[in-house]
Amino acid sequence: MSELCLTILCPPAVEEKLLDLLLLSPNAAVFTSAPTAAHGLAFGSLNQTEQVLGRAFATQVQVVIPEVDRQALLGDIQAQFSGAGLRYWITPVIEAGEIA
């Protein structure tokens, strides 16, 4: 079975809601989140600090999912976050496992 890595950039204002969705999703068994700086993306109005720095504060979430679950998870995210400024991309996972 092929796995994918779904990477999502989200504004801090919706971070907790997105993480809650993923925690409750049967399609998102393993994921990480980290603060990041987003360049070239519009998350609504930038605050003064972001304007000076030239980047928006964001949270990057990476979710490892089976390829067959891609549409279901994206559908759930789109249903709850339409218009919230989330950006995403998907890359193949070449190898994954647990170091025991």
C-alpha atoms as a PDB file:
ATOM      1  CA  MET A   1       0.000   0.000   0.000  1.00  0.00           C
ATOM      2  CA  SER A   2       1.375   3.426  -0.974  1.00  0.00           C
ATOM      3  CA  GLU A   3       1.648   6.158   1.613  1.00  0.00           C
ATOM      4  CA  LEU A   4       1.595   9.914   1.141  1.00  0.00           C
ATOM      5  CA  CYS A   5       2.717  12.876   3.209  1.00  0.00           C
ATOM      6  CA  LEU A   6       0.096  15.614   3.307  1.00  0.00           C
ATOM      7  CA  THR A   7       1.703  18.913   4.329  1.00  0.00           C
ATOM      8  CA  ILE A   8      -0.634  21.690   5.465  1.00  0.00           C
ATOM      9  CA  LEU A   9       0.186  25.322   6.268  1.00  0.00           C
ATOM     10  CA  CYS A  10      -2.429  26.921   8.475  1.00  0.00           C
ATOM     11  CA  PRO A  11      -2.832  30.258  10.208  1.00  0.00           C
ATOM     12  CA  PRO A  12      -2.335  30.064  13.994  1.00  0.00           C
ATOM     13  CA  ALA A  13      -5.980  31.051  14.513  1.00  0.00           C
ATOM     14  CA  VAL A  14      -7.199  27.674  13.201  1.00  0.00           C
ATOM     15  CA  GLU A  15      -4.317  25.479  14.380  1.00  0.00           C
ATOM     16  CA  GLU A  16      -6.124  23.910  17.350  1.00  0.00           C
ATOM     17  CA  LYS A  17      -9.249  23.178  15.329  1.00  0.00           C
ATOM     18  CA  LEU A  18      -7.184  21.488  12.595  1.00  0.00           C
ATOM     19  CA  LEU A  19      -5.238  19.414  15.129  1.00  0.00           C
ATOM     20  CA  ASP A  20      -8.512  18.372  16.788  1.00  0.00           C
ATOM     21  CA  LEU A  21      -9.881  17.240  13.424  1.00  0.00           C
ATOM     22  CA  LEU A  22      -6.750  15.185  12.770  1.00  0.00           C
ATOM     23  CA  LEU A  23      -6.749  13.654  16.259  1.00  0.00           C
ATOM     24  CA  LEU A  24     -10.311  12.437  15.680  1.00  0.00           C
ATOM     25  CA  SER A  25      -9.763  11.319  12.082  1.00  0.00           C
ATOM     26  CA  PRO A  26      -9.366   7.586  11.400  1.00  0.00           C
ATOM     27  CA  ASN A  27      -7.392   8.597   8.275  1.00  0.00           C
ATOM     28  CA  ALA A  28      -4.608  10.437  10.164  1.00  0.00           C
ATOM     29  CA  ALA A  29      -2.799   7.933  12.367  1.00  0.00           C
ATOM     30  CA  VAL A  30       0.577   9.723  12.468  1.00  0.00           C
ATOM     31  CA  PHE A  31       1.132  13.462  12.166  1.00  0.00           C
ATOM     32  CA  THR A  32       3.392  16.244  13.395  1.00  0.00           C
ATOM     33  CA  SER A  33       2.953  19.982  13.831  1.00  0.00           C
ATOM     34  CA  ALA A  34       5.468  22.790  14.180  1.00  0.00           C
ATOM     35  CA  PRO A  35       5.520  26.575  14.056  1.00  0.00           C
ATOM     36  CA  THR A  36       6.957  27.920  10.812  1.00  0.00           C
ATOM     37  CA  ALA A  37       7.272  31.063   8.727  1.00  0.00           C
ATOM     38  CA  ALA A  38       5.280  31.224   5.502  1.00  0.00           C
ATOM     39  CA  HIS A  39       6.523  33.347   2.636  1.00  0.00           C
ATOM     40  CA  GLY A  40       4.378  34.468  -0.282  1.00  0.00           C
ATOM     41  CA  LEU A  41       1.092  33.317   1.252  1.00  0.00           C
ATOM     42  CA  ALA A  42      -1.832  35.516   2.223  1.00  0.00           C
ATOM     43  CA  PHE A  43      -3.316  34.623   5.617  1.00  0.00           C
ATOM     44  CA  GLY A  44      -5.518  37.687   5.692  1.00  0.00           C
ATOM     45  CA  SER A  45      -4.069  40.841   7.109  1.00  0.00           C
ATOM     46  CA  LEU A  46      -0.508  40.531   8.356  1.00  0.00           C
ATOM     47  CA  ASN A  47       0.218  42.128  11.700  1.00  0.00           C
ATOM     48  CA  GLN A  48       2.903  44.808  11.931  1.00  0.00           C
ATOM     49  CA  THR A  49       5.622  42.367  12.936  1.00  0.00           C
ATOM     50  CA  GLU A  50       4.816  40.074  10.013  1.00  0.00           C
ATOM     51  CA  GLN A  51       4.824  43.022   7.610  1.00  0.00           C
ATOM     52  CA  VAL A  52       8.282  44.100   8.784  1.00  0.00           C
ATOM     53  CA  LEU A  53       9.663  40.547   8.680  1.00  0.00           C
ATOM     54  CA  GLY A  54       8.086  39.759   5.311  1.00  0.00           C
ATOM     55  CA  ARG A  55       6.605  36.473   6.461  1.00  0.00           C
ATOM     56  CA  ALA A  56       3.470  35.186   8.100  1.00  0.00           C
ATOM     57  CA  PHE A  57       3.429  33.101  11.259  1.00  0.00           C
ATOM     58  CA  ALA A  58       1.933  29.679  10.498  1.00  0.00           C
ATOM     59  CA  THR A  59       1.769  26.105  11.683  1.00  0.00           C
ATOM     60  CA  GLN A  60       3.039  23.344   9.433  1.00  0.00           C
ATOM     61  CA  VAL A  61       1.287  20.015   9.855  1.00  0.00           C
ATOM     62  CA  GLN A  62       2.526  16.844   8.185  1.00  0.00           C
ATOM     63  CA  VAL A  63       0.267  13.799   8.037  1.00  0.00           C
ATOM     64  CA  VAL A  64       1.315  10.356   6.795  1.00  0.00           C
ATOM     65  CA  ILE A  65      -1.708   8.703   5.187  1.00  0.00           C
ATOM     66  CA  PRO A  66      -2.445   5.726   2.966  1.00  0.00           C
ATOM     67  CA  GLU A  67      -3.031   6.877  -0.608  1.00  0.00           C
ATOM     68  CA  VAL A  68      -6.553   5.422  -0.522  1.00  0.00           C
ATOM     69  CA  ASP A  69      -7.478   7.808   2.335  1.00  0.00           C
ATOM     70  CA  ARG A  70      -6.321  10.984   0.569  1.00  0.00           C
ATOM     71  CA  GLN A  71      -9.695  12.109  -0.779  1.00  0.00           C
ATOM     72  CA  ALA A  72     -11.588  11.363   2.439  1.00  0.00           C
ATOM     73  CA  LEU A  73      -9.178  13.357   4.603  1.00  0.00           C
ATOM     74  CA  LEU A  74      -8.956  16.278   2.174  1.00  0.00           C
ATOM     75  CA  GLY A  75     -12.760  16.306   1.970  1.00  0.00           C
ATOM     76  CA  ASP A  76     -13.059  16.516   5.767  1.00  0.00           C
ATOM     77  CA  ILE A  77     -10.515  19.333   5.908  1.00  0.00           C
ATOM     78  CA  GLN A  78     -12.155  21.261   3.086  1.00  0.00           C
ATOM     79  CA  ALA A  79     -15.602  20.897   4.668  1.00  0.00           C
ATOM     80  CA  GLN A  80     -14.442  22.460   7.954  1.00  0.00           C
ATOM     81  CA  PHE A  81     -11.828  24.946   6.736  1.00  0.00           C
ATOM     82  CA  SER A  82     -13.138  26.374   3.487  1.00  0.00           C
ATOM     83  CA  GLY A  83     -11.959  29.993   3.272  1.00  0.00           C
ATOM     84  CA  ALA A  84      -9.619  29.692   6.292  1.00  0.00           C
ATOM     85  CA  GLY A  85      -6.434  30.195   4.266  1.00  0.00           C
ATOM     86  CA  LEU A  86      -5.028  26.672   4.523  1.00  0.00           C
ATOM     87  CA  ARG A  87      -2.495  25.631   1.861  1.00  0.00           C
ATOM     88  CA  TYR A  88      -1.419  22.049   1.223  1.00  0.00           C
ATOM     89  CA  TRP A  89       0.700  19.798  -0.929  1.00  0.00           C
ATOM     90  CA  ILE A  90       1.136  16.047  -1.131  1.00  0.00           C
ATOM     91  CA  THR A  91       4.353  14.090  -1.634  1.00  0.00           C
ATOM     92  CA  PRO A  92       4.970  10.357  -1.862  1.00  0.00           C
ATOM     93  CA  VAL A  93       6.533   8.573   1.100  1.00  0.00           C
ATOM     94  CA  ILE A  94       9.351   6.431  -0.249  1.00  0.00           C
ATOM     95  CA  GLU A  95       9.901   4.565   2.982  1.00  0.00           C
ATOM     96  CA  ALA A  96       8.543   4.701   6.510  1.00  0.00           C
ATOM     97  CA  GLY A  97       8.848   2.571   9.594  1.00  0.00           C
ATOM     98  CA  GLU A  98       9.727   2.434  13.252  1.00  0.00           C
ATOM     99  CA  ILE A  99      13.268   2.088  14.509  1.00  0.00           C
ATOM    100  CA  ALA A 100      13.052  -0.616  17.145  1.00  0.00           C
END
